């Protein structure tokens, strides 16, 4: 079993085996737990690909160091630390989504602190 389709088929077979008492419930629970871990891992990989695309990384490139934690949130939330030109480019793009001509115009209108808070608290990260 190497694909999520294989896993899906196996889970339906497991379901049938449970219904017909062909498998011990303890073993079925163990298989279910393992399947859950595999599915969560696949979701994490998909989320990482989406994030990589969002911040402009090439798939397979190592993510930069995690730097910021937003203080207003109960559970730690992370934002990826970008360096130099990457950060400037992303903030320029973000400023335009807010309706400003560029980052400088957004900072002048909002203040640097508010702009940074909005940038690092984007729901799409």
PDB file of N, CA and C in Angstrom:
ATOM      1  N   UNK A   1       0.851  -1.171   0.000  1.00  0.00           N
ATOM      2  CA  UNK A   1       0.000   0.000   0.000  1.00  0.00           C
ATOM      3  C   UNK A   1       0.896   1.233   0.000  1.00  0.00           C
ATOM      4  N   UNK A   2       0.855   1.997  -1.101  1.00  0.00           N
ATOM      5  CA  UNK A   2       1.724   3.159  -1.223  1.00  0.00           C
ATOM      6  C   UNK A   2       1.006   4.447  -1.567  1.00  0.00           C
ATOM      7  N   UNK A   3      -0.273   4.386  -1.815  1.00  0.00           N
ATOM      8  CA  UNK A   3      -0.998   5.596  -2.191  1.00  0.00           C
ATOM      9  C   UNK A   3      -2.212   5.764  -1.279  1.00  0.00           C
ATOM     10  N   UNK A   4      -2.764   6.976  -1.295  1.00  0.00           N
ATOM     11  CA  UNK A   4      -3.975   7.202  -0.513  1.00  0.00           C
ATOM     12  C   UNK A   4      -5.147   6.412  -1.081  1.00  0.00           C
ATOM     13  N   UNK A   5      -5.135   6.170  -2.373  1.00  0.00           N
ATOM     14  CA  UNK A   5      -6.183   5.326  -2.970  1.00  0.00           C
ATOM     15  C   UNK A   5      -6.098   3.907  -2.431  1.00  0.00           C
ATOM     16  N   UNK A   6      -4.865   3.384  -2.322  1.00  0.00           N
ATOM     17  CA  UNK A   6      -4.669   2.053  -1.732  1.00  0.00           C
ATOM     18  C   UNK A   6      -5.188   2.027  -0.289  1.00  0.00           C
ATOM     19  N   UNK A   7      -4.858   3.072   0.447  1.00  0.00           N
ATOM     20  CA  UNK A   7      -5.317   3.159   1.837  1.00  0.00           C
ATOM     21  C   UNK A   7      -6.843   3.192   1.889  1.00  0.00           C
ATOM     22  N   UNK A   8      -7.442   3.989   1.032  1.00  0.00           N
ATOM     23  CA  UNK A   8      -8.894   4.089   0.981  1.00  0.00           C
ATOM     24  C   UNK A   8      -9.522   2.713   0.723  1.00  0.00           C
ATOM     25  N   UNK A   9      -8.980   1.991  -0.255  1.00  0.00           N
ATOM     26  CA  UNK A   9      -9.495   0.648  -0.557  1.00  0.00           C
ATOM     27  C   UNK A   9      -9.333  -0.289   0.630  1.00  0.00           C
ATOM     28  N   UNK A  10      -8.180  -0.215   1.286  1.00  0.00           N
ATOM     29  CA  UNK A  10      -7.937  -1.072   2.454  1.00  0.00           C
ATOM     30  C   UNK A  10      -8.899  -0.760   3.587  1.00  0.00           C
ATOM     31  N   UNK A  11      -9.200   0.522   3.769  1.00  0.00           N
ATOM     32  CA  UNK A  11     -10.128   0.896   4.840  1.00  0.00           C
ATOM     33  C   UNK A  11     -11.534   0.380   4.563  1.00  0.00           C
ATOM     34  N   UNK A  12     -11.944   0.410   3.300  1.00  0.00           N
ATOM     35  CA  UNK A  12     -13.262  -0.147   2.980  1.00  0.00           C
ATOM     36  C   UNK A  12     -13.266  -1.665   3.168  1.00  0.00           C
ATOM     37  N   UNK A  13     -12.172  -2.330   2.844  1.00  0.00           N
ATOM     38  CA  UNK A  13     -12.074  -3.773   3.101  1.00  0.00           C
ATOM     39  C   UNK A  13     -12.129  -4.043   4.606  1.00  0.00           C
ATOM     40  N   UNK A  14     -11.415  -3.197   5.374  1.00  0.00           N
ATOM     41  CA  UNK A  14     -11.434  -3.322   6.825  1.00  0.00           C
ATOM     42  C   UNK A  14     -12.849  -3.148   7.359  1.00  0.00           C
ATOM     43  N   UNK A  15     -13.563  -2.188   6.845  1.00  0.00           N
ATOM     44  CA  UNK A  15     -14.946  -1.952   7.244  1.00  0.00           C
ATOM     45  C   UNK A  15     -15.810  -3.197   7.008  1.00  0.00           C
ATOM     46  N   UNK A  16     -15.639  -3.782   5.833  1.00  0.00           N
ATOM     47  CA  UNK A  16     -16.400  -5.009   5.520  1.00  0.00           C
ATOM     48  C   UNK A  16     -16.011  -6.143   6.459  1.00  0.00           C
ATOM     49  N   UNK A  17     -14.718  -6.283   6.749  1.00  0.00           N
ATOM     50  CA  UNK A  17     -14.249  -7.334   7.665  1.00  0.00           C
ATOM     51  C   UNK A  17     -14.808  -7.137   9.071  1.00  0.00           C
ATOM     52  N   UNK A  18     -14.925  -5.882   9.498  1.00  0.00           N
ATOM     53  CA  UNK A  18     -15.504  -5.609  10.815  1.00  0.00           C
ATOM     54  C   UNK A  18     -16.981  -6.002  10.827  1.00  0.00           C
ATOM     55  N   UNK A  19     -17.697  -5.624   9.772  1.00  0.00           N
ATOM     56  CA  UNK A  19     -19.128  -5.936   9.699  1.00  0.00           C
ATOM     57  C   UNK A  19     -19.386  -7.441   9.711  1.00  0.00           C
ATOM     58  N   UNK A  20     -18.495  -8.210   9.119  1.00  0.00           N
ATOM     59  CA  UNK A  20     -18.698  -9.666   9.029  1.00  0.00           C
ATOM     60  C   UNK A  20     -17.906 -10.438  10.083  1.00  0.00           C
ATOM     61  N   UNK A  21     -17.381  -9.730  11.052  1.00  0.00           N
ATOM     62  CA  UNK A  21     -16.612 -10.328  12.157  1.00  0.00           C
ATOM     63  C   UNK A  21     -15.407 -11.140  11.684  1.00  0.00           C
ATOM     64  N   UNK A  22     -14.784 -10.736  10.582  1.00  0.00           N
ATOM     65  CA  UNK A  22     -13.590 -11.432  10.077  1.00  0.00           C
ATOM     66  C   UNK A  22     -12.301 -10.899  10.712  1.00  0.00           C
ATOM     67  N   UNK A  23     -12.399  -9.813  11.467  1.00  0.00           N
ATOM     68  CA  UNK A  23     -11.203  -9.215  12.063  1.00  0.00           C
ATOM     69  C   UNK A  23     -11.497  -8.840  13.511  1.00  0.00           C
ATOM     70  N   UNK A  24     -10.491  -9.001  14.342  1.00  0.00           N
ATOM     71  CA  UNK A  24     -10.580  -8.637  15.748  1.00  0.00           C
ATOM     72  C   UNK A  24     -10.677  -7.119  15.868  1.00  0.00           C
ATOM     73  N   UNK A  25     -11.552  -6.653  16.742  1.00  0.00           N
ATOM     74  CA  UNK A  25     -11.785  -5.212  16.884  1.00  0.00           C
ATOM     75  C   UNK A  25     -10.525  -4.482  17.347  1.00  0.00           C
ATOM     76  N   UNK A  26      -9.712  -5.153  18.154  1.00  0.00           N
ATOM     77  CA  UNK A  26      -8.462  -4.535  18.619  1.00  0.00           C
ATOM     78  C   UNK A  26      -7.518  -4.283  17.437  1.00  0.00           C
ATOM     79  N   UNK A  27      -7.422  -5.260  16.554  1.00  0.00           N
ATOM     80  CA  UNK A  27      -6.586  -5.107  15.363  1.00  0.00           C
ATOM     81  C   UNK A  27      -7.167  -4.039  14.438  1.00  0.00           C
ATOM     82  N   UNK A  28      -8.495  -4.013  14.318  1.00  0.00           N
ATOM     83  CA  UNK A  28      -9.152  -3.006  13.487  1.00  0.00           C
ATOM     84  C   UNK A  28      -8.867  -1.598  14.020  1.00  0.00           C
ATOM     85  N   UNK A  29      -8.903  -1.430  15.331  1.00  0.00           N
ATOM     86  CA  UNK A  29      -8.597  -0.130  15.936  1.00  0.00           C
ATOM     87  C   UNK A  29      -7.147   0.282  15.666  1.00  0.00           C
ATOM     88  N   UNK A  30      -6.232  -0.675  15.748  1.00  0.00           N
ATOM     89  CA  UNK A  30      -4.822  -0.384  15.473  1.00  0.00           C
ATOM     90  C   UNK A  30      -4.638   0.040  14.016  1.00  0.00           C
ATOM     91  N   UNK A  31      -5.294  -0.661  13.100  1.00  0.00           N
ATOM     92  CA  UNK A  31      -5.214  -0.298  11.679  1.00  0.00           C
ATOM     93  C   UNK A  31      -5.826   1.082  11.431  1.00  0.00           C
ATOM     94  N   UNK A  32      -6.930   1.361  12.091  1.00  0.00           N
ATOM     95  CA  UNK A  32      -7.585   2.658  11.958  1.00  0.00           C
ATOM     96  C   UNK A  32      -6.675   3.783  12.463  1.00  0.00           C
ATOM     97  N   UNK A  33      -6.015   3.563  13.587  1.00  0.00           N
ATOM     98  CA  UNK A  33      -5.099   4.572  14.140  1.00  0.00           C
ATOM     99  C   UNK A  33      -3.949   4.849  13.180  1.00  0.00           C
ATOM    100  N   UNK A  34      -3.411   3.796  12.605  1.00  0.00           N
ATOM    101  CA  UNK A  34      -2.319   3.949  11.643  1.00  0.00           C
ATOM    102  C   UNK A  34      -2.798   4.695  10.405  1.00  0.00           C
ATOM    103  N   UNK A  35      -3.984   4.362   9.925  1.00  0.00           N
ATOM    104  CA  UNK A  35      -4.544   5.044   8.758  1.00  0.00           C
ATOM    105  C   UNK A  35      -4.736   6.534   9.044  1.00  0.00           C
ATOM    106  N   UNK A  36      -5.184   6.852  10.251  1.00  0.00           N
ATOM    107  CA  UNK A  36      -5.369   8.256  10.636  1.00  0.00           C
ATOM    108  C   UNK A  36      -4.053   9.017  10.579  1.00  0.00           C
ATOM    109  N   UNK A  37      -2.996   8.401  11.044  1.00  0.00           N
ATOM    110  CA  UNK A  37      -1.673   9.031  11.012  1.00  0.00           C
ATOM    111  C   UNK A  37      -1.230   9.261   9.566  1.00  0.00           C
ATOM    112  N   UNK A  38      -1.470   8.291   8.713  1.00  0.00           N
ATOM    113  CA  UNK A  38      -1.087   8.421   7.294  1.00  0.00           C
ATOM    114  C   UNK A  38      -1.853   9.568   6.638  1.00  0.00           C
ATOM    115  N   UNK A  39      -3.148   9.657   6.924  1.00  0.00           N
ATOM    116  CA  UNK A  39      -3.967  10.723   6.338  1.00  0.00           C
ATOM    117  C   UNK A  39      -3.518  12.091   6.859  1.00  0.00           C
ATOM    118  N   UNK A  40      -3.236  12.203   8.152  1.00  0.00           N
ATOM    119  CA  UNK A  40      -2.746  13.473   8.710  1.00  0.00           C
ATOM    120  C   UNK A  40      -1.416  13.865   8.091  1.00  0.00           C
ATOM    121  N   UNK A  41      -0.555  12.893   7.860  1.00  0.00           N
ATOM    122  CA  UNK A  41       0.728  13.163   7.221  1.00  0.00           C
ATOM    123  C   UNK A  41       0.531  13.687   5.804  1.00  0.00           C
ATOM    124  N   UNK A  42      -0.399  13.077   5.072  1.00  0.00           N
ATOM    125  CA  UNK A  42      -0.685  13.542   3.705  1.00  0.00           C
ATOM    126  C   UNK A  42      -1.225  14.971   3.731  1.00  0.00           C
ATOM    127  N   UNK A  43      -2.098  15.276   4.689  1.00  0.00           N
ATOM    128  CA  UNK A  43      -2.638  16.630   4.810  1.00  0.00           C
ATOM    129  C   UNK A  43      -1.519  17.620   5.125  1.00  0.00           C
ATOM    130  N   UNK A  44      -0.608  17.240   5.997  1.00  0.00           N
ATOM    131  CA  UNK A  44       0.523  18.112   6.328  1.00  0.00           C
ATOM    132  C   UNK A  44       1.368  18.386   5.088  1.00  0.00           C
ATOM    133  N   UNK A  45       1.589  17.365   4.280  1.00  0.00           N
ATOM    134  CA  UNK A  45       2.362  17.558   3.052  1.00  0.00           C
ATOM    135  C   UNK A  45       1.653  18.502   2.089  1.00  0.00           C
ATOM    136  N   UNK A  46       0.344  18.356   1.966  1.00  0.00           N
ATOM    137  CA  UNK A  46      -0.431  19.241   1.089  1.00  0.00           C
ATOM    138  C   UNK A  46      -0.378  20.677   1.607  1.00  0.00           C
ATOM    139  N   UNK A  47      -0.548  20.852   2.929  1.00  0.00           N
ATOM    140  CA  UNK A  47      -0.474  22.192   3.515  1.00  0.00           C
ATOM    141  C   UNK A  47       0.914  22.814   3.298  1.00  0.00           C
ATOM    142  N   UNK A  48       1.956  21.999   3.411  1.00  0.00           N
ATOM    143  CA  UNK A  48       3.318  22.502   3.191  1.00  0.00           C
ATOM    144  C   UNK A  48       3.506  22.943   1.744  1.00  0.00           C
ATOM    145  N   UNK A  49       2.955  22.188   0.806  1.00  0.00           N
ATOM    146  CA  UNK A  49       3.037  22.585  -0.607  1.00  0.00           C
ATOM    147  C   UNK A  49       2.299  23.892  -0.857  1.00  0.00           C
ATOM    148  N   UNK A  50       1.121  24.037  -0.252  1.00  0.00           N
ATOM    149  CA  UNK A  50       0.354  25.282  -0.408  1.00  0.00           C
ATOM    150  C   UNK A  50       1.133  26.464   0.171  1.00  0.00           C
ATOM    151  N   UNK A  51       1.722  26.267   1.351  1.00  0.00           N
ATOM    152  CA  UNK A  51       2.510  27.328   1.982  1.00  0.00           C
ATOM    153  C   UNK A  51       3.733  27.658   1.147  1.00  0.00           C
ATOM    154  N   UNK A  52       4.400  26.634   0.641  1.00  0.00           N
ATOM    155  CA  UNK A  52       5.578  26.854  -0.211  1.00  0.00           C
ATOM    156  C   UNK A  52       5.213  27.692  -1.421  1.00  0.00           C
ATOM    157  N   UNK A  53       4.082  27.382  -2.025  1.00  0.00           N
ATOM    158  CA  UNK A  53       3.627  28.143  -3.186  1.00  0.00           C
ATOM    159  C   UNK A  53       3.309  29.582  -2.791  1.00  0.00           C
ATOM    160  N   UNK A  54       2.660  29.745  -1.640  1.00  0.00           N
ATOM    161  CA  UNK A  54       2.260  31.075  -1.164  1.00  0.00           C
ATOM    162  C   UNK A  54       3.470  31.973  -0.926  1.00  0.00           C
ATOM    163  N   UNK A  55       4.537  31.414  -0.332  1.00  0.00           N
ATOM    164  CA  UNK A  55       5.692  32.256  -0.006  1.00  0.00           C
ATOM    165  C   UNK A  55       6.793  32.170  -1.051  1.00  0.00           C
ATOM    166  N   UNK A  56       6.527  31.483  -2.141  1.00  0.00           N
ATOM    167  CA  UNK A  56       7.446  31.487  -3.274  1.00  0.00           C
ATOM    168  C   UNK A  56       8.604  30.515  -3.198  1.00  0.00           C
ATOM    169  N   UNK A  57       8.458  29.440  -2.440  1.00  0.00           N
ATOM    170  CA  UNK A  57       9.518  28.439  -2.374  1.00  0.00           C
ATOM    171  C   UNK A  57       9.327  27.400  -3.468  1.00  0.00           C
ATOM    172  N   UNK A  58      10.412  26.854  -3.915  1.00  0.00           N
ATOM    173  CA  UNK A  58      10.371  25.763  -4.871  1.00  0.00           C
ATOM    174  C   UNK A  58      10.113  24.487  -4.070  1.00  0.00           C
ATOM    175  N   UNK A  59       9.207  23.583  -4.530  1.00  0.00           N
ATOM    176  CA  UNK A  59       8.986  22.336  -3.791  1.00  0.00           C
ATOM    177  C   UNK A  59      10.305  21.611  -3.525  1.00  0.00           C
ATOM    178  N   UNK A  60      10.468  21.175  -2.289  1.00  0.00           N
ATOM    179  CA  UNK A  60      11.697  20.502  -1.900  1.00  0.00           C
ATOM    180  C   UNK A  60      12.707  21.427  -1.245  1.00  0.00           C
ATOM    181  N   UNK A  61      12.530  22.737  -1.411  1.00  0.00           N
ATOM    182  CA  UNK A  61      13.434  23.694  -0.774  1.00  0.00           C
ATOM    183  C   UNK A  61      13.146  23.696   0.720  1.00  0.00           C
ATOM    184  N   UNK A  62      14.173  23.830   1.531  1.00  0.00           N
ATOM    185  CA  UNK A  62      13.993  23.820   2.976  1.00  0.00           C
ATOM    186  C   UNK A  62      13.332  25.122   3.406  1.00  0.00           C
ATOM    187  N   UNK A  63      12.314  25.008   4.272  1.00  0.00           N
ATOM    188  CA  UNK A  63      11.634  26.200   4.758  1.00  0.00           C
ATOM    189  C   UNK A  63      12.572  27.025   5.622  1.00  0.00           C
ATOM    190  N   UNK A  64      12.499  28.348   5.516  1.00  0.00           N
ATOM    191  CA  UNK A  64      13.295  29.213   6.391  1.00  0.00           C
ATOM    192  C   UNK A  64      12.895  29.019   7.847  1.00  0.00           C
ATOM    193  N   UNK A  65      13.701  29.531   8.726  1.00  0.00           N
ATOM    194  CA  UNK A  65      13.473  29.383  10.165  1.00  0.00           C
ATOM    195  C   UNK A  65      12.165  30.069  10.566  1.00  0.00           C
ATOM    196  N   UNK A  66      11.440  29.418  11.459  1.00  0.00           N
ATOM    197  CA  UNK A  66      10.215  30.011  11.993  1.00  0.00           C
ATOM    198  C   UNK A  66      10.627  31.102  12.972  1.00  0.00           C
ATOM    199  N   UNK A  67      10.050  32.298  12.794  1.00  0.00           N
ATOM    200  CA  UNK A  67      10.517  33.415  13.602  1.00  0.00           C
ATOM    201  C   UNK A  67       9.471  34.025  14.519  1.00  0.00           C
ATOM    202  N   UNK A  68       8.285  34.338  14.014  1.00  0.00           N
ATOM    203  CA  UNK A  68       7.347  35.144  14.780  1.00  0.00           C
ATOM    204  C   UNK A  68       6.223  34.322  15.384  1.00  0.00           C
ATOM    205  N   UNK A  69       5.810  34.734  16.559  1.00  0.00           N
ATOM    206  CA  UNK A  69       4.615  34.190  17.192  1.00  0.00           C
ATOM    207  C   UNK A  69       3.702  35.377  17.462  1.00  0.00           C
ATOM    208  N   UNK A  70       2.478  35.302  17.001  1.00  0.00           N
ATOM    209  CA  UNK A  70       1.556  36.423  17.194  1.00  0.00           C
ATOM    210  C   UNK A  70       1.072  36.416  18.636  1.00  0.00           C
ATOM    211  N   UNK A  71       1.285  37.503  19.397  1.00  0.00           N
ATOM    212  CA  UNK A  71       0.978  37.519  20.831  1.00  0.00           C
ATOM    213  C   UNK A  71      -0.510  37.491  21.168  1.00  0.00           C
ATOM    214  N   UNK A  72      -1.379  37.886  20.246  1.00  0.00           N
ATOM    215  CA  UNK A  72      -2.807  37.949  20.555  1.00  0.00           C
ATOM    216  C   UNK A  72      -3.481  36.589  20.501  1.00  0.00           C
ATOM    217  N   UNK A  73      -2.817  35.601  19.969  1.00  0.00           N
ATOM    218  CA  UNK A  73      -3.436  34.288  19.838  1.00  0.00           C
ATOM    219  C   UNK A  73      -3.110  33.410  21.030  1.00  0.00           C
ATOM    220  N   UNK A  74      -4.090  32.584  21.419  1.00  0.00           N
ATOM    221  CA  UNK A  74      -3.910  31.714  22.583  1.00  0.00           C
ATOM    222  C   UNK A  74      -2.868  30.636  22.304  1.00  0.00           C
ATOM    223  N   UNK A  75      -3.014  29.956  21.192  1.00  0.00           N
ATOM    224  CA  UNK A  75      -2.037  28.931  20.815  1.00  0.00           C
ATOM    225  C   UNK A  75      -1.007  29.593  19.903  1.00  0.00           C
ATOM    226  N   UNK A  76       0.250  29.212  19.998  1.00  0.00           N
ATOM    227  CA  UNK A  76       1.249  29.847  19.141  1.00  0.00           C
ATOM    228  C   UNK A  76       0.914  29.685  17.663  1.00  0.00           C
ATOM    229  N   UNK A  77       0.978  30.780  16.951  1.00  0.00           N
ATOM    230  CA  UNK A  77       0.794  30.766  15.497  1.00  0.00           C
ATOM    231  C   UNK A  77       2.126  31.159  14.894  1.00  0.00           C
ATOM    232  N   UNK A  78       2.478  30.569  13.788  1.00  0.00           N
ATOM    233  CA  UNK A  78       3.788  30.842  13.224  1.00  0.00           C
ATOM    234  C   UNK A  78       3.683  31.592  11.916  1.00  0.00           C
ATOM    235  N   UNK A  79       4.700  32.320  11.657  1.00  0.00           N
ATOM    236  CA  UNK A  79       4.865  32.919  10.337  1.00  0.00           C
ATOM    237  C   UNK A  79       6.278  32.572   9.913  1.00  0.00           C
ATOM    238  N   UNK A  80       6.484  32.377   8.663  1.00  0.00           N
ATOM    239  CA  UNK A  80       7.787  31.963   8.179  1.00  0.00           C
ATOM    240  C   UNK A  80       8.693  33.173   8.046  1.00  0.00           C
ATOM    241  N   UNK A  81       9.901  33.051   8.537  1.00  0.00           N
ATOM    242  CA  UNK A  81      10.886  34.117   8.403  1.00  0.00           C
ATOM    243  C   UNK A  81      11.440  34.090   6.986  1.00  0.00           C
ATOM    244  N   UNK A  82      11.252  35.154   6.290  1.00  0.00           N
ATOM    245  CA  UNK A  82      11.831  35.308   4.964  1.00  0.00           C
ATOM    246  C   UNK A  82      13.001  36.262   5.088  1.00  0.00           C
ATOM    247  N   UNK A  83      13.906  36.192   4.192  1.00  0.00           N
ATOM    248  CA  UNK A  83      15.062  37.056   4.279  1.00  0.00           C
ATOM    249  C   UNK A  83      15.118  37.999   3.103  1.00  0.00           C
ATOM    250  N   UNK A  84      15.664  39.182   3.343  1.00  0.00           N
ATOM    251  CA  UNK A  84      15.979  40.149   2.317  1.00  0.00           C
ATOM    252  C   UNK A  84      14.919  40.377   1.267  1.00  0.00           C
ATOM    253  N   UNK A  85      15.274  40.126   0.023  1.00  0.00           N
ATOM    254  CA  UNK A  85      14.416  40.413  -1.118  1.00  0.00           C
ATOM    255  C   UNK A  85      13.105  39.645  -1.084  1.00  0.00           C
ATOM    256  N   UNK A  86      13.125  38.396  -0.570  1.00  0.00           N
ATOM    257  CA  UNK A  86      11.885  37.615  -0.490  1.00  0.00           C
ATOM    258  C   UNK A  86      10.849  38.336   0.367  1.00  0.00           C
ATOM    259  N   UNK A  87      11.272  38.795   1.533  1.00  0.00           N
ATOM    260  CA  UNK A  87      10.351  39.484   2.433  1.00  0.00           C
ATOM    261  C   UNK A  87       9.852  40.777   1.803  1.00  0.00           C
ATOM    262  N   UNK A  88      10.739  41.546   1.217  1.00  0.00           N
ATOM    263  CA  UNK A  88      10.330  42.797   0.572  1.00  0.00           C
ATOM    264  C   UNK A  88       9.334  42.541  -0.551  1.00  0.00           C
ATOM    265  N   UNK A  89       9.622  41.543  -1.373  1.00  0.00           N
ATOM    266  CA  UNK A  89       8.737  41.207  -2.490  1.00  0.00           C
ATOM    267  C   UNK A  89       7.358  40.792  -1.990  1.00  0.00           C
ATOM    268  N   UNK A  90       7.316  39.950  -0.960  1.00  0.00           N
ATOM    269  CA  UNK A  90       6.040  39.494  -0.423  1.00  0.00           C
ATOM    270  C   UNK A  90       5.261  40.626   0.239  1.00  0.00           C
ATOM    271  N   UNK A  91       5.977  41.528   0.924  1.00  0.00           N
ATOM    272  CA  UNK A  91       5.291  42.645   1.561  1.00  0.00           C
ATOM    273  C   UNK A  91       4.795  43.657   0.528  1.00  0.00           C
ATOM    274  N   UNK A  92       5.532  43.828  -0.552  1.00  0.00           N
ATOM    275  CA  UNK A  92       5.057  44.691  -1.646  1.00  0.00           C
ATOM    276  C   UNK A  92       3.748  44.130  -2.206  1.00  0.00           C
ATOM    277  N   UNK A  93       3.734  42.832  -2.430  1.00  0.00           N
ATOM    278  CA  UNK A  93       2.541  42.164  -2.966  1.00  0.00           C
ATOM    279  C   UNK A  93       1.372  42.291  -1.990  1.00  0.00           C
ATOM    280  N   UNK A  94       1.646  42.108  -0.707  1.00  0.00           N
ATOM    281  CA  UNK A  94       0.606  42.218   0.316  1.00  0.00           C
ATOM    282  C   UNK A  94       0.057  43.640   0.373  1.00  0.00           C
ATOM    283  N   UNK A  95       0.914  44.644   0.305  1.00  0.00           N
ATOM    284  CA  UNK A  95       0.475  46.044   0.329  1.00  0.00           C
ATOM    285  C   UNK A  95      -0.494  46.313  -0.815  1.00  0.00           C
ATOM    286  N   UNK A  96      -0.206  45.749  -1.973  1.00  0.00           N
ATOM    287  CA  UNK A  96      -1.094  45.943  -3.131  1.00  0.00           C
ATOM    288  C   UNK A  96      -2.447  45.275  -2.908  1.00  0.00           C
ATOM    289  N   UNK A  97      -2.465  44.127  -2.202  1.00  0.00           N
ATOM    290  CA  UNK A  97      -3.755  43.483  -1.914  1.00  0.00           C
ATOM    291  C   UNK A  97      -4.588  44.317  -0.956  1.00  0.00           C
ATOM    292  N   UNK A  98      -3.913  45.181  -0.186  1.00  0.00           N
ATOM    293  CA  UNK A  98      -4.623  46.086   0.725  1.00  0.00           C
ATOM    294  C   UNK A  98      -5.090  47.355   0.007  1.00  0.00           C
ATOM    295  N   UNK A  99      -4.690  47.506  -1.253  1.00  0.00           N
ATOM    296  CA  UNK A  99      -5.124  48.659  -2.030  1.00  0.00           C
ATOM    297  C   UNK A  99      -4.117  49.800  -2.084  1.00  0.00           C
ATOM    298  N   UNK A 100      -2.902  49.554  -1.620  1.00  0.00           N
ATOM    299  CA  UNK A 100      -1.867  50.587  -1.646  1.00  0.00           C
ATOM    300  C   UNK A 100      -0.954  50.372  -2.853  1.00  0.00           C
ATOM    301  N   UNK A 101      -0.305  51.438  -3.273  1.00  0.00           N
ATOM    302  CA  UNK A 101       0.566  51.366  -4.446  1.00  0.00           C
ATOM    303  C   UNK A 101       1.790  50.483  -4.179  1.00  0.00           C
ATOM    304  N   UNK A 102       2.306  50.551  -2.953  1.00  0.00           N
ATOM    305  CA  UNK A 102       3.482  49.759  -2.581  1.00  0.00           C
ATOM    306  C   UNK A 102       3.563  49.661  -1.059  1.00  0.00           C
ATOM    307  N   UNK A 103       4.601  49.009  -0.564  1.00  0.00           N
ATOM    308  CA  UNK A 103       4.770  48.816   0.875  1.00  0.00           C
ATOM    309  C   UNK A 103       4.917  50.147   1.606  1.00  0.00           C
ATOM    310  N   UNK A 104       5.700  51.046   1.052  1.00  0.00           N
ATOM    311  CA  UNK A 104       5.925  52.339   1.691  1.00  0.00           C
ATOM    312  C   UNK A 104       4.607  53.089   1.882  1.00  0.00           C
ATOM    313  N   UNK A 105       3.766  53.100   0.867  1.00  0.00           N
ATOM    314  CA  UNK A 105       2.470  53.784   0.975  1.00  0.00           C
ATOM    315  C   UNK A 105       1.613  53.143   2.066  1.00  0.00           C
ATOM    316  N   UNK A 106       1.660  51.833   2.173  1.00  0.00           N
ATOM    317  CA  UNK A 106       0.886  51.130   3.212  1.00  0.00           C
ATOM    318  C   UNK A 106       1.418  51.474   4.596  1.00  0.00           C
ATOM    319  N   UNK A 107       2.738  51.520   4.748  1.00  0.00           N
ATOM    320  CA  UNK A 107       3.345  51.825   6.048  1.00  0.00           C
ATOM    321  C   UNK A 107       3.033  53.262   6.455  1.00  0.00           C
ATOM    322  N   UNK A 108       3.081  54.187   5.500  1.00  0.00           N
ATOM    323  CA  UNK A 108       2.761  55.585   5.800  1.00  0.00           C
ATOM    324  C   UNK A 108       1.309  55.705   6.248  1.00  0.00           C
ATOM    325  N   UNK A 109       0.417  55.016   5.570  1.00  0.00           N
ATOM    326  CA  UNK A 109      -1.009  55.112   5.890  1.00  0.00           C
ATOM    327  C   UNK A 109      -1.376  54.378   7.181  1.00  0.00           C
ATOM    328  N   UNK A 110      -0.769  53.229   7.415  1.00  0.00           N
ATOM    329  CA  UNK A 110      -1.180  52.372   8.536  1.00  0.00           C
ATOM    330  C   UNK A 110      -0.276  52.458   9.756  1.00  0.00           C
ATOM    331  N   UNK A 111       0.942  52.760   9.569  1.00  0.00           N
ATOM    332  CA  UNK A 111       2.062  52.700  10.513  1.00  0.00           C
ATOM    333  C   UNK A 111       2.769  51.363  10.297  1.00  0.00           C
ATOM    334  N   UNK A 112       4.026  51.362  10.576  1.00  0.00           N
ATOM    335  CA  UNK A 112       4.833  50.165  10.371  1.00  0.00           C
ATOM    336  C   UNK A 112       4.321  49.011  11.232  1.00  0.00           C
ATOM    337  N   UNK A 113       3.970  49.328  12.477  1.00  0.00           N
ATOM    338  CA  UNK A 113       3.508  48.299  13.409  1.00  0.00           C
ATOM    339  C   UNK A 113       2.224  47.630  12.904  1.00  0.00           C
ATOM    340  N   UNK A 114       1.252  48.414  12.492  1.00  0.00           N
ATOM    341  CA  UNK A 114      -0.021  47.859  12.019  1.00  0.00           C
ATOM    342  C   UNK A 114       0.196  47.050  10.743  1.00  0.00           C
ATOM    343  N   UNK A 115       1.011  47.571   9.825  1.00  0.00           N
ATOM    344  CA  UNK A 115       1.282  46.845   8.592  1.00  0.00           C
ATOM    345  C   UNK A 115       1.919  45.494   8.898  1.00  0.00           C
ATOM    346  N   UNK A 116       2.932  45.474   9.749  1.00  0.00           N
ATOM    347  CA  UNK A 116       3.614  44.222  10.112  1.00  0.00           C
ATOM    348  C   UNK A 116       2.638  43.245  10.772  1.00  0.00           C
ATOM    349  N   UNK A 117       1.794  43.758  11.679  1.00  0.00           N
ATOM    350  CA  UNK A 117       0.824  42.876  12.338  1.00  0.00           C
ATOM    351  C   UNK A 117      -0.121  42.251  11.320  1.00  0.00           C
ATOM    352  N   UNK A 118      -0.611  43.061  10.403  1.00  0.00           N
ATOM    353  CA  UNK A 118      -1.515  42.529   9.385  1.00  0.00           C
ATOM    354  C   UNK A 118      -0.797  41.539   8.478  1.00  0.00           C
ATOM    355  N   UNK A 119       0.435  41.866   8.113  1.00  0.00           N
ATOM    356  CA  UNK A 119       1.191  40.981   7.219  1.00  0.00           C
ATOM    357  C   UNK A 119       1.428  39.620   7.876  1.00  0.00           C
ATOM    358  N   UNK A 120       1.878  39.624   9.115  1.00  0.00           N
ATOM    359  CA  UNK A 120       2.219  38.361   9.775  1.00  0.00           C
ATOM    360  C   UNK A 120       1.008  37.649  10.367  1.00  0.00           C
ATOM    361  N   UNK A 121      -0.162  38.259  10.286  1.00  0.00           N
ATOM    362  CA  UNK A 121      -1.377  37.621  10.802  1.00  0.00           C
ATOM    363  C   UNK A 121      -2.341  37.262   9.671  1.00  0.00           C
ATOM    364  N   UNK A 122      -1.835  37.123   8.467  1.00  0.00           N
ATOM    365  CA  UNK A 122      -2.682  36.743   7.340  1.00  0.00           C
ATOM    366  C   UNK A 122      -3.232  35.354   7.554  1.00  0.00           C
ATOM    367  N   UNK A 123      -4.497  35.170   7.261  1.00  0.00           N
ATOM    368  CA  UNK A 123      -5.142  33.854   7.383  1.00  0.00           C
ATOM    369  C   UNK A 123      -4.600  32.879   6.338  1.00  0.00           C
ATOM    370  N   UNK A 124      -4.039  33.404   5.269  1.00  0.00           N
ATOM    371  CA  UNK A 124      -3.627  32.544   4.166  1.00  0.00           C
ATOM    372  C   UNK A 124      -2.241  31.968   4.360  1.00  0.00           C
ATOM    373  N   UNK A 125      -1.554  32.291   5.443  1.00  0.00           N
ATOM    374  CA  UNK A 125      -0.233  31.695   5.680  1.00  0.00           C
ATOM    375  C   UNK A 125      -0.380  30.245   5.979  1.00  0.00           C
TER     376      UNK A 125
END
